[in-house]
Amino acid sequence: MRKMVPNIYLPYPASIDNVKEETPDIRTFSLSFTDREMRDHFTFRPGQFILVSVFNCGEAPISISSSPTSSAIFELSIKKVGSLTGEIHRYNTGDEMGVRGPYGNGFPLERLYGSDLLFVGGGIGLAPLRSMIQYVFARRSEFGRITILYGARSPEDIVFKEDLAGWEEEKDARVLITVDKGDRPWKGATGPVTRLWQETDVDPSSTKAIVCGPPVMISYVVFDLLKMGFAEDDIISTVERNMKCGVGKCGHCSIGSKFTCIHGPVFTYREMKEMPSVL
């Protein structure tokens, strides 16, 4: 009898263990697979994504926002932007969604050990960085100084507020936050995230920069880092494209000879500069 080949497009049910409202349009869902074997063997790298499916709505790629140091329960921070994510935002504890993955390459952990790290995030782009940041603090002795720069549209749009406050208390860590437009109670910085350079003290020769956010933000940040003297291989960023299958077959996410879903979504600047229309 011929052995059945597993269906790589088949999602597995995952139950929602908790829902946390981060902002008016972003919620963090804590999930665990209903199948014990899947739950016990599920692993991922910071920076990888999964494909979430909702019956009669479709499927979408979502970055994992929790650390792999605790992967029995994993977290997805989802922004409400369309019909599928709008339907997910209606879900509550105990509901289920389909999950397959993880996909993509994730952040190059092997190249980051022993280095100072500079994280620069904007908006919901802090979600995949959160996975990496939590991993770093869980293995604190293996990394150097940590600097986290974060920009949001408004104080109301700041995600992971409790995490940001907690990271500030970590050893050899600094967190700086800015918003595009403050309100009356806001006493912090205003302006784009690049506004925070003047308050940042990092050594490009010993620091790896990890960037994630809106494409226009990434472009400005990356070119500023180059001006500061960061090496091309020490600037690491994510590239967003319309990923569909997750396995490099459909071609939706192709950029030149690269497929974002398998060669990315994490690339160094050296790689990005060879990819058309990325920066």
Protein backbone atom coordinates (compact mmCIF):
# COMPACT_ATOMS: atom_id res chain seq x y z
CA MET A 1 0.00 0.00 0.00
CA ARG A 2 1.33 3.44 -0.92
CA LYS A 3 1.95 5.79 1.97
CA MET A 4 -0.09 8.98 1.96
CA VAL A 5 1.94 12.19 1.54
CA PRO A 6 1.02 14.84 4.16
CA ASN A 7 -0.91 17.79 2.75
CA ILE A 8 1.37 20.81 3.20
CA TYR A 9 -1.62 23.15 2.79
CA LEU A 10 -3.68 21.55 5.55
CA PRO A 11 -4.19 23.81 8.60
CA TYR A 12 -4.36 22.38 12.11
CA PRO A 13 -6.92 23.63 14.63
CA ALA A 14 -5.58 25.84 17.42
CA SER A 15 -7.61 26.97 20.41
CA ILE A 16 -7.57 30.52 21.73
CA ASP A 17 -6.43 30.50 25.36
CA ASN A 18 -6.46 34.26 25.89
CA VAL A 19 -7.23 37.50 24.05
CA LYS A 20 -5.59 40.79 25.01
CA GLU A 21 -6.48 44.16 23.50
CA GLU A 22 -3.27 46.03 22.74
CA THR A 23 -4.82 49.01 20.92
CA PRO A 24 -8.29 49.73 19.50
CA ASP A 25 -7.37 47.77 16.33
CA ILE A 26 -4.70 45.28 17.53
CA ARG A 27 -5.30 42.22 19.67
CA THR A 28 -2.88 39.55 20.85
CA PHE A 29 -4.22 35.99 20.71
CA SER A 30 -2.58 33.27 22.82
CA LEU A 31 -3.01 29.93 21.02
CA SER A 32 -2.27 26.25 21.53
CA PHE A 33 -2.84 23.36 19.14
CA THR A 34 -5.74 21.11 20.06
CA ASP A 35 -3.71 18.09 18.95
CA ARG A 36 -1.30 17.10 21.74
CA GLU A 37 1.42 15.88 19.37
CA MET A 38 1.34 19.15 17.44
CA ARG A 39 1.39 21.11 20.67
CA ASP A 40 4.34 19.16 22.07
CA HIS A 41 6.46 19.33 18.93
CA PHE A 42 5.68 22.82 17.61
CA THR A 43 8.83 24.95 17.36
CA PHE A 44 9.77 28.14 15.54
CA ARG A 45 12.43 30.80 15.25
CA PRO A 46 11.92 34.50 16.07
CA GLY A 47 10.89 36.26 12.87
CA GLN A 48 9.01 33.34 11.34
CA PHE A 49 5.33 33.56 10.44
CA ILE A 50 2.37 31.22 10.23
CA LEU A 51 -0.67 31.13 7.98
CA VAL A 52 -3.95 31.60 9.83
CA SER A 53 -7.18 30.43 8.24
CA VAL A 54 -10.80 31.29 8.97
CA PHE A 55 -13.56 29.28 7.36
CA ASN A 56 -15.33 31.16 4.55
CA CYS A 57 -12.88 34.10 4.86
CA GLY A 58 -9.52 32.80 3.69
CA GLU A 59 -5.98 32.68 4.95
CA ALA A 60 -3.39 35.28 5.92
CA PRO A 61 0.28 35.32 7.01
CA ILE A 62 0.78 36.52 10.58
CA SER A 63 4.12 36.93 12.38
CA ILE A 64 4.54 35.04 15.64
CA SER A 65 4.94 37.66 18.36
CA SER A 66 5.98 35.42 21.27
CA SER A 67 9.32 33.79 22.08
CA PRO A 68 10.15 30.20 21.05
CA THR A 69 11.46 29.67 24.57
CA SER A 70 7.82 28.96 25.45
CA SER A 71 6.25 27.47 22.32
CA ALA A 72 3.51 25.24 23.76
CA ILE A 73 1.45 28.43 23.77
CA PHE A 74 2.31 30.91 21.02
CA GLU A 75 1.01 34.41 20.40
CA LEU A 76 -0.20 36.26 17.33
CA SER A 77 -0.71 40.01 17.45
CA ILE A 78 -3.26 40.80 14.74
CA LYS A 79 -4.23 44.21 13.37
CA LYS A 80 -7.79 44.58 12.10
CA VAL A 81 -7.40 45.65 8.47
CA GLY A 82 -9.89 43.59 6.42
CA SER A 83 -12.62 40.95 6.44
CA LEU A 84 -10.42 38.07 7.64
CA THR A 85 -8.70 39.95 10.44
CA GLY A 86 -12.03 41.59 11.28
CA GLU A 87 -13.55 38.14 11.74
CA ILE A 88 -10.63 37.04 13.92
CA HIS A 89 -11.17 40.10 16.11
CA ARG A 90 -14.62 38.72 16.89
CA TYR A 91 -13.09 35.54 18.34
CA ASN A 92 -12.96 34.94 22.07
CA THR A 93 -11.30 32.53 24.46
CA GLY A 94 -12.22 28.95 23.54
CA ASP A 95 -12.77 29.65 19.84
CA GLU A 96 -10.57 27.94 17.25
CA MET A 97 -8.74 28.98 14.09
CA GLY A 98 -6.71 27.06 11.53
CA VAL A 99 -2.92 27.31 11.66
CA ARG A 100 -0.16 25.97 9.44
CA GLY A 101 3.55 26.65 9.55
CA PRO A 102 5.87 28.05 10.70
CA TYR A 103 7.31 29.46 7.49
CA GLY A 104 10.19 31.69 6.49
CA ASN A 105 13.78 31.91 7.65
CA GLY A 106 13.49 33.97 10.85
CA PHE A 107 16.19 36.15 12.34
CA PRO A 108 19.80 34.89 11.99
CA LEU A 109 20.32 33.99 15.66
CA GLU A 110 23.74 32.44 15.08
CA ARG A 111 25.10 35.79 13.85
CA LEU A 112 23.59 37.78 16.73
CA TYR A 113 25.04 35.98 19.73
CA GLY A 114 27.58 38.10 21.60
CA SER A 115 26.63 41.35 19.85
CA ASP A 116 24.95 44.51 21.04
CA LEU A 117 21.51 44.70 19.46
CA LEU A 118 19.58 47.71 18.18
CA PHE A 119 15.88 47.08 17.53
CA VAL A 120 13.93 49.66 15.53
CA GLY A 121 10.19 49.08 15.17
CA GLY A 122 7.18 50.96 13.91
CA GLY A 123 3.50 50.24 14.55
CA ILE A 124 2.53 46.56 14.37
CA GLY A 125 6.10 45.94 13.14
CA LEU A 126 7.05 45.56 16.80
CA ALA A 127 5.25 42.17 16.80
CA PRO A 128 7.98 40.05 15.13
CA LEU A 129 10.62 42.08 16.99
CA ARG A 130 8.86 41.22 20.25
CA SER A 131 9.49 37.54 19.55
CA MET A 132 13.20 38.22 19.17
CA ILE A 133 13.39 40.63 22.11
CA GLN A 134 11.70 38.15 24.45
CA TYR A 135 14.12 35.47 23.25
CA VAL A 136 17.10 37.74 23.95
CA PHE A 137 15.97 38.57 27.47
CA ALA A 138 15.27 34.89 28.17
CA ARG A 139 18.92 34.19 27.27
CA ARG A 140 20.32 37.48 28.50
CA SER A 141 23.94 36.41 29.08
CA GLU A 142 24.38 35.53 25.40
CA PHE A 143 23.87 39.07 24.10
CA GLY A 144 25.34 42.52 24.76
CA ARG A 145 23.61 45.85 25.28
CA ILE A 146 20.02 46.13 24.04
CA THR A 147 18.54 49.33 22.59
CA ILE A 148 14.89 49.40 21.51
CA LEU A 149 13.48 52.29 19.47
CA TYR A 150 9.75 52.29 18.78
CA GLY A 151 7.45 54.63 16.90
CA ALA A 152 3.63 54.69 16.82
CA ARG A 153 1.05 56.99 15.27
CA SER A 154 -0.30 58.16 18.63
CA PRO A 155 -0.10 57.23 22.33
CA GLU A 156 -3.27 55.20 21.87
CA ASP A 157 -1.58 53.17 19.12
CA ILE A 158 1.41 52.04 21.18
CA VAL A 159 1.42 48.22 21.31
CA PHE A 160 2.84 45.98 24.05
CA LYS A 161 2.84 48.79 26.62
CA GLU A 162 3.52 46.41 29.52
CA ASP A 163 6.35 44.74 27.61
CA LEU A 164 7.98 48.06 26.74
CA ALA A 165 7.90 49.10 30.41
CA GLY A 166 9.31 45.73 31.47
CA TRP A 167 12.12 45.79 28.90
CA GLU A 168 13.23 49.17 30.23
CA GLU A 169 13.91 47.49 33.58
CA GLU A 170 16.13 44.79 32.10
CA LYS A 171 19.90 44.88 32.62
CA ASP A 172 21.86 46.91 30.02
CA ALA A 173 18.68 47.75 28.11
CA ARG A 174 17.24 51.05 26.94
CA VAL A 175 13.80 51.72 25.46
CA LEU A 176 12.92 54.93 23.61
CA ILE A 177 9.43 55.67 22.26
CA THR A 178 8.08 58.36 19.97
CA VAL A 179 4.66 59.07 18.44
CA ASP A 180 3.77 60.93 15.27
CA LYS A 181 1.27 63.08 17.13
CA GLY A 182 0.90 63.29 20.89
CA ASP A 183 -2.18 64.10 22.93
CA ARG A 184 -2.46 66.35 25.99
CA PRO A 185 -1.23 63.76 28.54
CA TRP A 186 1.69 62.64 26.34
CA LYS A 187 5.04 63.88 27.67
CA GLY A 188 7.33 61.82 25.45
CA ALA A 189 9.00 62.42 22.10
CA THR A 190 7.04 63.27 18.96
CA GLY A 191 8.02 62.69 15.36
CA PRO A 192 9.23 59.71 13.28
CA VAL A 193 11.28 56.96 14.91
CA THR A 194 14.43 58.42 13.32
CA ARG A 195 13.89 61.37 15.68
CA LEU A 196 15.28 59.08 18.41
CA TRP A 197 18.75 58.84 16.86
CA GLN A 198 19.83 61.93 18.80
CA GLU A 199 19.15 60.09 22.06
CA THR A 200 20.78 56.84 20.96
CA ASP A 201 24.35 55.81 21.71
CA VAL A 202 25.34 52.69 19.79
CA ASP A 203 28.65 51.49 18.35
CA PRO A 204 28.16 50.28 14.74
CA SER A 205 31.28 48.13 14.97
CA SER A 206 29.79 45.94 17.72
CA THR A 207 26.05 46.28 17.05
CA LYS A 208 23.58 44.42 14.86
CA ALA A 209 20.49 46.43 13.85
CA ILE A 210 17.13 44.67 13.45
CA VAL A 211 14.37 46.69 11.79
CA CYS A 212 10.67 46.06 11.21
CA GLY A 213 7.80 48.40 10.38
CA PRO A 214 6.11 50.17 7.47
CA PRO A 215 8.20 50.03 4.26
CA VAL A 216 8.79 53.80 4.17
CA MET A 217 10.05 53.71 7.76
CA ILE A 218 12.38 50.82 6.98
CA SER A 219 13.88 52.73 4.05
CA TYR A 220 14.68 55.83 6.11
CA VAL A 221 16.03 53.80 9.02
CA VAL A 222 18.23 51.58 6.84
CA PHE A 223 19.82 54.50 4.99
CA ASP A 224 20.45 56.31 8.28
CA LEU A 225 22.14 53.21 9.67
CA LEU A 226 24.41 53.06 6.63
CA LYS A 227 25.37 56.70 7.21
CA MET A 228 26.20 55.85 10.83
CA GLY A 229 28.69 53.24 9.63
CA PHE A 230 26.78 49.99 10.04
CA ALA A 231 28.04 47.19 7.80
CA GLU A 232 25.60 45.95 5.14
CA ASP A 233 25.43 42.50 6.74
CA ASP A 234 24.74 44.00 10.17
CA ILE A 235 21.49 45.67 9.06
CA ILE A 236 18.71 43.09 9.22
CA SER A 237 15.13 43.81 8.21
CA THR A 238 11.88 42.21 7.19
CA VAL A 239 10.40 42.48 3.70
CA GLU A 240 6.62 42.46 3.34
CA ARG A 241 5.08 40.91 0.27
CA ASN A 242 1.72 39.29 -0.49
CA MET A 243 2.49 35.78 0.76
CA LYS A 244 -0.08 33.11 -0.04
CA CYS A 245 1.11 29.50 -0.07
CA GLY A 246 4.04 29.79 2.34
CA VAL A 247 6.11 27.23 0.44
CA GLY A 248 7.32 29.11 -2.66
CA LYS A 249 4.90 27.54 -5.13
CA CYS A 250 2.32 30.21 -5.96
CA GLY A 251 4.77 32.99 -6.83
CA HIS A 252 2.78 35.78 -5.18
CA CYS A 253 5.70 36.88 -3.00
CA SER A 254 8.50 36.61 -5.56
CA ILE A 255 10.99 39.49 -5.76
CA GLY A 256 13.41 38.83 -8.57
CA SER A 257 14.82 35.36 -7.86
CA LYS A 258 13.74 35.40 -4.21
CA PHE A 259 10.56 34.15 -2.58
CA THR A 260 9.73 36.09 0.58
CA CYS A 261 8.00 33.09 2.16
CA ILE A 262 11.05 30.82 1.98
CA HIS A 263 14.15 33.02 1.48
CA GLY A 264 12.71 35.67 3.82
CA PRO A 265 10.92 37.48 5.25
CA VAL A 266 14.19 38.43 6.97
CA PHE A 267 17.02 39.80 4.83
CA THR A 268 20.24 41.73 5.37
CA TYR A 269 20.72 45.04 3.60
CA ARG A 270 23.32 43.37 1.37
CA GLU A 271 20.58 41.02 0.15
CA MET A 272 17.88 43.70 -0.01
CA LYS A 273 19.86 46.04 -2.24
CA GLU A 274 19.95 43.33 -4.93
CA MET A 275 16.16 42.93 -4.82
CA PRO A 276 14.13 45.23 -7.12
CA SER A 277 11.74 47.77 -5.57
CA VAL A 278 12.45 46.84 -1.95
CA LEU A 279 14.06 50.05 -0.69
